[in-house]
Protein backbone atom coordinates (compact mmCIF):
# COMPACT_ATOMS: atom_id res chain seq x y z
CA MET A 1 134.52 91.77 111.92
CA LEU A 2 134.40 88.15 113.01
CA LEU A 3 130.60 88.11 112.90
CA ILE A 4 130.59 89.49 109.36
CA ILE A 5 132.92 86.73 108.15
CA GLU A 6 131.27 83.86 110.07
CA ALA A 7 127.78 84.25 108.56
CA PRO A 8 128.89 83.84 104.91
CA ARG A 9 131.37 81.14 105.91
CA LYS A 10 128.48 78.87 106.93
CA VAL A 11 126.80 79.39 103.57
CA ILE A 12 129.83 78.90 101.35
CA ASN A 13 131.97 76.43 103.25
CA GLN A 14 132.34 74.12 100.22
CA MET A 15 133.84 76.72 97.87
CA HIS A 16 137.43 76.45 96.66
CA TYR A 17 138.48 80.09 96.91
CA PRO A 18 139.42 81.86 100.14
CA LEU A 19 136.51 83.65 101.77
CA GLU A 20 138.32 87.00 101.73
CA VAL A 21 138.69 86.86 97.93
CA MET A 22 135.02 86.06 97.50
CA LEU A 23 133.93 88.87 99.85
CA ILE A 24 136.13 91.41 98.06
CA CYS A 25 134.70 90.46 94.65
CA VAL A 26 131.10 90.53 95.86
CA ARG A 27 131.63 93.82 97.69
CA TRP A 28 133.10 95.48 94.61
CA TYR A 29 130.24 94.16 92.48
CA ALA A 30 127.65 95.48 94.92
CA ALA A 31 129.23 98.79 95.89
CA TYR A 32 130.67 100.08 92.61
CA PRO A 33 129.35 100.22 89.05
CA LEU A 34 131.65 97.44 87.85
CA SER A 35 130.68 94.61 85.55
CA LEU A 36 131.62 91.04 86.33
CA ARG A 37 134.25 91.11 83.60
CA HIS A 38 135.80 94.25 85.10
CA ILE A 39 136.07 92.49 88.45
CA GLU A 40 137.67 89.53 86.68
CA GLU A 41 140.29 91.85 85.17
CA VAL A 42 140.97 93.67 88.45
CA MET A 43 141.46 90.40 90.30
CA ALA A 44 143.76 89.14 87.52
CA GLU A 45 145.89 92.27 87.97
CA ARG A 46 146.20 91.31 91.65
CA GLY A 47 147.24 87.76 90.82
CA VAL A 48 143.94 86.00 91.52
CA LEU A 49 142.54 84.12 88.54
CA VAL A 50 138.77 84.03 88.75
CA ASP A 51 136.10 83.80 86.08
CA HIS A 52 133.27 86.31 85.80
CA ALA A 53 130.69 83.51 86.02
CA THR A 54 132.25 82.41 89.30
CA VAL A 55 131.90 85.92 90.71
CA HIS A 56 128.26 85.90 89.61
CA ARG A 57 127.63 82.60 91.43
CA TRP A 58 129.31 83.99 94.54
CA SER A 59 127.14 87.09 94.45
CA ILE A 60 123.97 85.01 94.15
CA LYS A 61 124.96 82.98 97.23
CA ILE A 62 126.48 85.74 99.38
CA PHE A 63 124.09 88.69 98.75
CA PRO A 64 121.17 87.23 100.74
CA VAL A 65 123.49 86.56 103.69
CA LEU A 66 125.13 89.99 103.69
CA ALA A 67 122.01 92.08 103.00
CA PRO A 68 120.61 91.97 106.58
CA MET A 69 124.01 92.92 107.99
CA PHE A 70 124.29 95.86 105.61
CA ARG A 71 120.78 97.04 106.45
CA ARG A 72 121.62 97.10 110.16
CA CYS A 73 124.62 99.35 109.53
CA LYS A 74 122.87 101.61 107.01
CA ARG A 75 122.02 105.11 108.15
CA PRO A 76 118.56 106.47 107.40
CA VAL A 77 118.41 108.93 104.54
CA GLY A 78 116.53 112.21 104.75
CA THR A 79 115.70 112.07 108.47
CA GLN A 80 118.70 113.95 109.78
CA GLN A 81 118.08 117.64 110.35
CA PHE A 82 120.87 120.06 109.74
CA ASP A 83 121.25 123.71 110.55
CA ARG A 84 121.48 126.12 107.69
CA PRO A 85 123.83 129.01 108.17
CA LYS A 86 121.84 132.06 109.21
CA ALA A 87 122.71 135.69 109.05
CA ARG A 88 120.80 138.12 111.22
CA ALA A 89 119.84 141.35 109.56
CA SER A 90 118.15 144.20 111.22
CA THR A 91 116.56 147.32 109.94
CA ALA A 92 115.01 150.21 111.76
CA ALA A 93 111.54 148.64 111.57
CA SER A 94 112.16 144.90 112.18
CA GLN A 95 114.64 142.11 112.59
CA PHE A 96 114.73 139.08 110.32
CA TYR A 97 116.98 136.16 109.41
CA LEU A 98 118.55 135.53 106.03
CA LEU A 99 118.96 131.87 105.14
CA ALA A 100 121.99 130.97 103.08
CA PHE A 101 121.39 128.32 100.41
């Protein structure tokens, strides 16, 4: 966790808000289908007054720093093989498998 916080801290060391607040806003903007104004409202409900333009500036500065870290942790899609449940059926002439979809 320390490595994740130290990389953006070097980029945004002259900002006025705490780093944790900035990371939460940028994470919500990136991970969920929220607009900048929705994030502004959610943070206001939690007692943090922040403007939507400020969150946009944070995202422009922090996204390039966090993107390589997220790519390292991302699992590949479509490469994992899984076993389908199989049922074995046999008749007098042959045996075959039924695949359940």
